[in-house]
Each structure stands twice: as structure tokens, then as C-alpha cells.
Protein backbone atom coordinates (compact mmCIF):
# COMPACT_ATOMS: atom_id res chain seq x y z
CA MET A 1 -12.37 18.39 -10.26
CA ASN A 2 -12.46 14.66 -10.82
CA ASP A 3 -11.93 12.41 -7.82
CA GLN A 4 -10.91 8.75 -7.59
CA PHE A 5 -14.50 7.52 -7.63
CA GLU A 6 -15.57 9.29 -10.84
CA ILE A 7 -15.99 7.25 -14.02
CA ASP A 8 -15.44 8.69 -17.52
CA ALA A 9 -18.56 8.89 -19.73
CA SER A 10 -16.82 6.75 -22.40
CA ALA A 11 -15.84 4.10 -19.84
CA PRO A 12 -15.80 0.41 -20.75
CA ARG A 13 -18.39 -1.87 -19.16
CA VAL A 14 -15.87 -3.94 -17.21
CA SER A 15 -12.24 -3.52 -16.16
CA ILE A 16 -10.20 -6.71 -15.60
CA VAL A 17 -7.31 -6.17 -13.21
CA VAL A 18 -4.42 -8.64 -13.28
CA PRO A 19 -1.56 -8.31 -10.71
CA VAL A 20 1.65 -10.03 -11.86
CA LYS A 21 5.17 -10.52 -10.69
CA ASN A 22 7.64 -12.49 -12.86
CA GLU A 23 4.94 -14.15 -14.92
CA ALA A 24 6.37 -13.57 -18.44
CA GLY A 25 5.51 -17.09 -19.64
CA ASN A 26 1.88 -16.86 -18.50
CA ILE A 27 0.96 -13.47 -19.92
CA ALA A 28 0.27 -14.17 -23.63
CA PRO A 29 -1.89 -17.31 -23.02
CA LEU A 30 -3.90 -15.59 -20.28
CA VAL A 31 -4.45 -12.42 -22.34
CA ALA A 32 -5.75 -14.57 -25.21
CA GLU A 33 -8.13 -16.40 -22.89
CA ILE A 34 -9.40 -13.16 -21.35
CA GLU A 35 -10.00 -11.64 -24.79
CA HIS A 36 -12.06 -14.67 -25.82
CA ALA A 37 -13.98 -15.00 -22.55
CA CYS A 38 -14.87 -11.28 -22.41
CA ALA A 39 -16.15 -10.87 -26.00
CA SER A 40 -19.73 -10.76 -24.70
CA LEU A 41 -18.79 -8.04 -22.20
CA ALA A 42 -17.35 -5.56 -24.75
CA PRO A 43 -16.36 -2.83 -24.39
CA PHE A 44 -13.90 -3.97 -21.76
CA GLU A 45 -10.33 -3.12 -20.68
CA VAL A 46 -7.62 -5.28 -19.16
CA ILE A 47 -5.17 -3.63 -16.76
CA TYR A 48 -1.98 -5.56 -15.97
CA VAL A 49 -0.12 -4.30 -12.90
CA ASP A 50 3.53 -5.33 -13.10
CA ASP A 51 4.57 -5.51 -9.43
CA GLY A 52 8.35 -5.06 -9.75
CA SER A 53 9.05 -7.98 -12.12
CA SER A 54 12.65 -8.79 -12.91
CA ASP A 55 12.03 -11.17 -15.86
CA GLY A 56 10.54 -10.47 -19.28
CA THR A 57 7.08 -9.54 -17.99
CA GLY A 58 7.38 -5.88 -18.98
CA ALA A 59 8.58 -6.63 -22.49
CA GLU A 60 5.87 -9.22 -23.05
CA LEU A 61 3.17 -6.79 -21.91
CA ALA A 62 4.55 -4.06 -24.18
CA ARG A 63 4.47 -6.44 -27.16
CA LEU A 64 0.89 -7.50 -26.52
CA ALA A 65 -0.39 -4.00 -25.74
CA SER A 66 0.94 -2.69 -29.10
CA GLU A 67 -1.67 -4.84 -30.82
CA ARG A 68 -4.52 -4.50 -28.32
CA PRO A 69 -5.84 -1.01 -27.50
CA TRP A 70 -7.88 -2.39 -24.60
CA LEU A 71 -4.73 -3.71 -22.81
CA ARG A 72 -3.26 -1.24 -20.35
CA ARG A 73 -0.04 -1.51 -18.31
CA LEU A 74 0.99 -0.23 -14.92
CA ARG A 75 4.39 -0.89 -13.40
CA ARG A 76 6.11 -0.56 -10.05
CA GLU A 77 9.87 -0.58 -9.90
CA ARG A 78 9.71 -2.35 -6.54
CA SER A 79 7.21 -4.99 -5.50
CA ALA A 80 4.59 -3.70 -3.02
CA GLY A 81 2.55 -6.94 -2.85
CA GLN A 82 -0.57 -8.29 -4.40
CA SER A 83 -3.07 -6.17 -2.51
CA ALA A 84 -1.28 -2.96 -3.45
CA ALA A 85 -1.07 -4.08 -7.09
CA VAL A 86 -4.80 -4.82 -7.19
CA ARG A 87 -5.63 -1.47 -5.62
CA ALA A 88 -3.43 0.41 -8.13
CA GLY A 89 -5.27 -1.31 -10.96
CA VAL A 90 -8.70 -0.53 -9.50
CA ARG A 91 -7.78 3.14 -9.04
CA ALA A 92 -6.69 3.33 -12.65
CA ALA A 93 -9.75 1.47 -13.97
CA ARG A 94 -12.42 3.32 -15.98
CA ALA A 95 -15.30 0.86 -15.62
CA PRO A 96 -17.86 0.78 -12.78
CA ILE A 97 -17.37 -3.02 -12.47
CA ILE A 98 -13.98 -4.53 -11.67
CA VAL A 99 -12.98 -8.16 -12.16
CA THR A 100 -9.78 -9.34 -10.50
CA ILE A 101 -7.95 -12.43 -11.68
CA ASP A 102 -4.56 -13.91 -10.77
CA GLY A 103 -1.86 -13.67 -13.40
CA ASP A 104 -0.54 -17.25 -13.14
CA GLY A 105 -3.28 -18.95 -15.13
CA GLN A 106 -4.86 -20.88 -12.27
CA ASN A 107 -8.00 -18.78 -12.50
CA ASP A 108 -10.00 -19.59 -15.61
CA PRO A 109 -11.20 -16.44 -17.42
CA ALA A 110 -14.17 -18.41 -18.75
CA PHE A 111 -15.91 -17.68 -15.43
CA ILE A 112 -15.62 -13.89 -15.79
CA PRO A 113 -19.02 -13.44 -17.56
CA GLN A 114 -20.72 -15.52 -14.90
CA LEU A 115 -19.26 -13.41 -12.11
CA VAL A 116 -20.26 -10.16 -13.84
CA ALA A 117 -23.78 -11.49 -14.49
CA ALA A 118 -24.16 -12.48 -10.82
CA LEU A 119 -23.10 -9.01 -9.69
CA GLU A 120 -25.36 -7.20 -12.18
CA LYS A 121 -28.33 -9.45 -11.47
CA GLY A 122 -28.16 -8.62 -7.74
CA GLY A 123 -28.54 -4.91 -8.42
CA PRO A 124 -27.12 -2.15 -6.21
CA ARG A 125 -27.54 -4.18 -3.02
CA VAL A 126 -24.86 -6.69 -4.14
CA GLY A 127 -21.33 -5.29 -3.88
CA LEU A 128 -19.27 -8.40 -4.61
CA ALA A 129 -19.47 -11.64 -6.56
CA ALA A 130 -16.73 -13.89 -5.23
CA GLY A 131 -15.36 -17.01 -6.86
CA GLN A 132 -15.01 -20.18 -4.76
CA ARG A 133 -12.53 -22.73 -6.12
CA LEU A 134 -13.43 -26.35 -6.90
CA GLY A 135 -10.78 -29.00 -7.53
CA ARG A 136 -7.85 -26.93 -6.29
CA LYS A 137 -4.52 -27.74 -7.99
CA ASP A 138 -2.17 -26.63 -5.19
CA THR A 139 0.01 -29.10 -3.27
CA GLY A 140 -1.66 -31.21 -0.58
CA PHE A 141 0.16 -29.31 2.16
CA LYS A 142 -0.95 -25.94 0.88
CA ARG A 143 -4.52 -27.15 0.52
CA LEU A 144 -4.43 -28.32 4.16
CA GLN A 145 -3.07 -24.98 5.30
CA SER A 146 -5.79 -23.16 3.36
CA ARG A 147 -8.56 -25.35 4.81
CA ILE A 148 -7.38 -24.59 8.33
CA ALA A 149 -7.02 -20.87 7.62
CA ASN A 150 -10.47 -20.75 5.98
CA LYS A 151 -12.15 -22.52 8.89
CA VAL A 152 -10.56 -20.18 11.44
CA ARG A 153 -11.38 -17.08 9.33
CA SER A 154 -14.98 -18.18 8.90
CA ALA A 155 -15.35 -18.88 12.60
CA VAL A 156 -13.90 -15.48 13.59
CA LEU A 157 -15.55 -13.32 10.96
CA GLY A 158 -18.71 -15.22 10.12
CA ASP A 159 -18.41 -14.16 6.50
CA GLY A 160 -20.23 -17.23 5.17
CA THR A 161 -17.51 -17.94 2.62
CA ARG A 162 -15.48 -21.14 2.44
CA ASP A 163 -12.72 -19.80 0.13
CA THR A 164 -11.69 -16.12 0.18
CA GLY A 165 -8.31 -16.83 -1.48
CA CYS A 166 -9.69 -17.17 -4.98
CA GLY A 167 -8.44 -14.38 -7.20
CA LEU A 168 -11.53 -14.34 -9.36
CA LYS A 169 -13.89 -11.66 -8.04
CA ALA A 170 -16.27 -9.10 -9.53
CA VAL A 171 -16.77 -5.99 -7.42
CA ARG A 172 -18.25 -2.55 -7.85
CA ARG A 173 -15.41 -0.05 -8.17
CA ASP A 174 -16.88 2.47 -5.77
CA VAL A 175 -17.47 -0.31 -3.20
CA PHE A 176 -13.85 -1.48 -3.47
CA LEU A 177 -12.45 2.01 -3.06
CA SER A 178 -14.62 2.61 -0.02
CA LEU A 179 -13.06 -0.30 1.88
CA PRO A 180 -10.34 0.31 4.48
CA TYR A 181 -7.02 -0.51 2.78
CA PHE A 182 -4.27 -2.72 4.27
CA ASP A 183 -1.95 -5.39 2.95
CA ALA A 184 -3.84 -8.67 2.23
CA ILE A 185 -7.20 -6.92 1.97
CA HIS A 186 -8.03 -9.09 -1.02
CA ARG A 187 -8.22 -12.06 1.39
CA PHE A 188 -10.98 -10.46 3.45
CA MET A 189 -13.16 -8.93 0.75
CA PRO A 190 -16.47 -10.72 1.61
CA ALA A 191 -16.30 -9.68 5.26
CA LEU A 192 -15.33 -6.11 4.47
CA VAL A 193 -17.98 -5.69 1.75
CA LYS A 194 -20.63 -6.95 4.16
CA ARG A 195 -19.30 -4.52 6.74
CA GLU A 196 -20.23 -1.70 4.37
CA GLY A 197 -23.83 -2.95 4.15
CA TYR A 198 -23.67 -4.79 0.84
CA GLU A 199 -24.53 -8.36 0.03
CA VAL A 200 -22.06 -10.92 -1.35
CA VAL A 201 -22.93 -13.62 -3.87
CA LEU A 202 -20.77 -16.72 -4.33
CA VAL A 203 -19.95 -18.40 -7.65
CA ASP A 204 -18.24 -21.81 -7.92
CA VAL A 205 -15.21 -21.76 -10.28
CA VAL A 206 -12.86 -24.52 -11.39
CA ASP A 207 -9.22 -24.22 -10.38
CA ARG A 208 -6.38 -25.13 -12.78
CA PRO A 209 -2.63 -25.75 -12.50
CA ARG A 210 -0.54 -22.65 -13.14
CA LEU A 211 0.66 -22.51 -16.72
CA THR A 212 4.41 -21.99 -16.04
CA GLY A 213 6.73 -20.79 -13.28
CA GLN A 214 6.22 -20.77 -9.56
CA SER A 215 4.07 -18.82 -7.13
CA ASN A 216 5.18 -15.28 -6.28
CA TYR A 217 2.18 -14.44 -4.07
CA GLY A 218 -0.10 -16.28 -1.69
CA LEU A 219 1.82 -16.36 1.62
CA PHE A 220 -1.35 -15.42 3.55
CA ASP A 221 -2.60 -18.98 2.99
CA ARG A 222 -0.37 -19.81 5.97
CA LEU A 223 -2.60 -19.12 8.90
CA TRP A 224 0.17 -17.85 11.19
CA VAL A 225 1.19 -15.16 8.68
CA GLY A 226 -2.26 -13.54 8.61
CA ILE A 227 -3.43 -13.96 12.18
CA LEU A 228 -2.99 -10.29 13.07
CA ASP A 229 -4.81 -9.20 9.94
CA LEU A 230 -7.62 -11.58 10.76
CA PHE A 231 -8.20 -10.07 14.19
CA GLY A 232 -7.69 -6.57 12.74
CA VAL A 233 -10.60 -7.20 10.40
CA TRP A 234 -12.62 -8.61 13.27
CA TRP A 235 -11.96 -5.36 15.17
CA LEU A 236 -13.03 -3.25 12.15
CA ILE A 237 -16.28 -5.17 11.91
CA ARG A 238 -17.00 -4.90 15.64
CA ARG A 239 -16.32 -1.11 15.55
CA CYS A 240 -18.58 -0.43 12.55
CA ARG A 241 -21.84 1.32 13.41
CA ARG A 242 -24.45 0.83 10.71
CA ALA A 243 -25.45 4.26 9.50
CA MET A 244 -28.92 5.06 8.14
CA PRO A 245 -29.05 6.86 4.78
CA ALA A 246 -28.99 10.63 5.08
CA GLU A 247 -31.64 12.55 3.15
CA GLU A 248 -31.32 16.09 1.97
CA LEU A 249 -33.97 18.41 3.45
CA LYS A 250 -35.86 20.87 1.28
């Protein structure tokens, strides 16, 4: 019987997971950019997770998927949040390497090959290649909130990462699925991957303005929203006992 960690023999090399909610105007441009950026990574697949959109997101995805066999669609009737959308995409993915990218166009797909290369170069000991944004295009107030949140998070968790909110990440599928799941897990990936005994590599990426529309995710950037999650992750790390590999006896 197949379980959630098993990968099909005909699997693509990389699965790109894109969570979206009411991003109809951003889908076609981003799909075209992903297709161009990932040509060197073929075969690949792109999995859009429609998290309860009420605009034309579903219709736009259906139109694009009819012409692109590598484009897959998942949909929830009700929004369950970005973390749940990402996890649904990872569970459905067929590749051993997952790349996550935000659906609003702020993350540049041109950095996907660099993230994948960094993950593959590190070998099995590296579980995550995380993007760190340069030249953020958010409002000044939101950048200030993020700087405060990142400083507090780094001080509490000691994860060695200045920006965990970047949606661009490359992660091994089995590593992702081994992490404890909770809402906003995508904001704590470096700390949780290190908790499992893997190394994390960091890749600088350039931020862009969103193509159209307004943000539908990202509330955790406000420190006071995620304070309980922060100390929950701290507790998980403190309670983790590093296990030595078990060898089969003959």
C-alpha cells in the first residue's frame, strides 16, 4: 500500500506548489514566468492550490491547465489558510523536491533553479533552501513590523535566519511531511527543519511588487498575531531529543 511519503517512479524532478486566494489577475503571468524559469529543471510540475477563491481564479486555472499538462489544480471550497494550502499541495506532489512560491507575483520564479541547486548541492544533510528577500516592496509599516517580528523570532529560536516570511523555498518532500503541522508552519520552516537534524542553506532573492490585487495572506507578519505560535515552536525545539540512527541487526 502506498503511503503519503512514497514517490511514483515516473515522478517529475521538482514540484512547484503555489497557494492562491483571489489572485485571478496574477495567475497567467506567474505561470508563464514559472514555465520559463523551470525549463532547465524539466520534467517538473506546478500545483496551484485554490484556497477558497471567490473571483475568477478557478476559471483562469482551468483555462491554463487545458494547455499545460504539467499544471495541476487543487481547490478548497472554503479557505483554510496558506499553511494548509501549502501542505495540501505538498501531499499531492509527485516529486522528491518541493519548491513553494507565493501566488501574488512578489516572488520571482527566476530564483527557483538557484534554490533547487543549493538544496541538491548540499546532499541529504540539507533539508531546506530558504529564500531571503532583498529590496522588499511592502509598505514601510509592514516592513517595520516584519523587522521586529524577525528579530524577536531569531532571538527566541536561534534559527540563524533574518527572513522566514519569504515564500520562495526548496525543501525535500519527506522532510516537509515529517514536520509537526500547525497553522503558520511555513513561517517557522528553518527552525523546524533544524529540529529534525537537517541543515538549512540561505539564498538571497529579490522581492518585487505584487502584479495586481491586494494581499490575502501574511497576517503573521504582525508580531502579536504569532506570539503563541512562536513560543509553541520554542517548546517543540526544547522538547526534541536528538535520536541516534537505528541500525538493523543481523
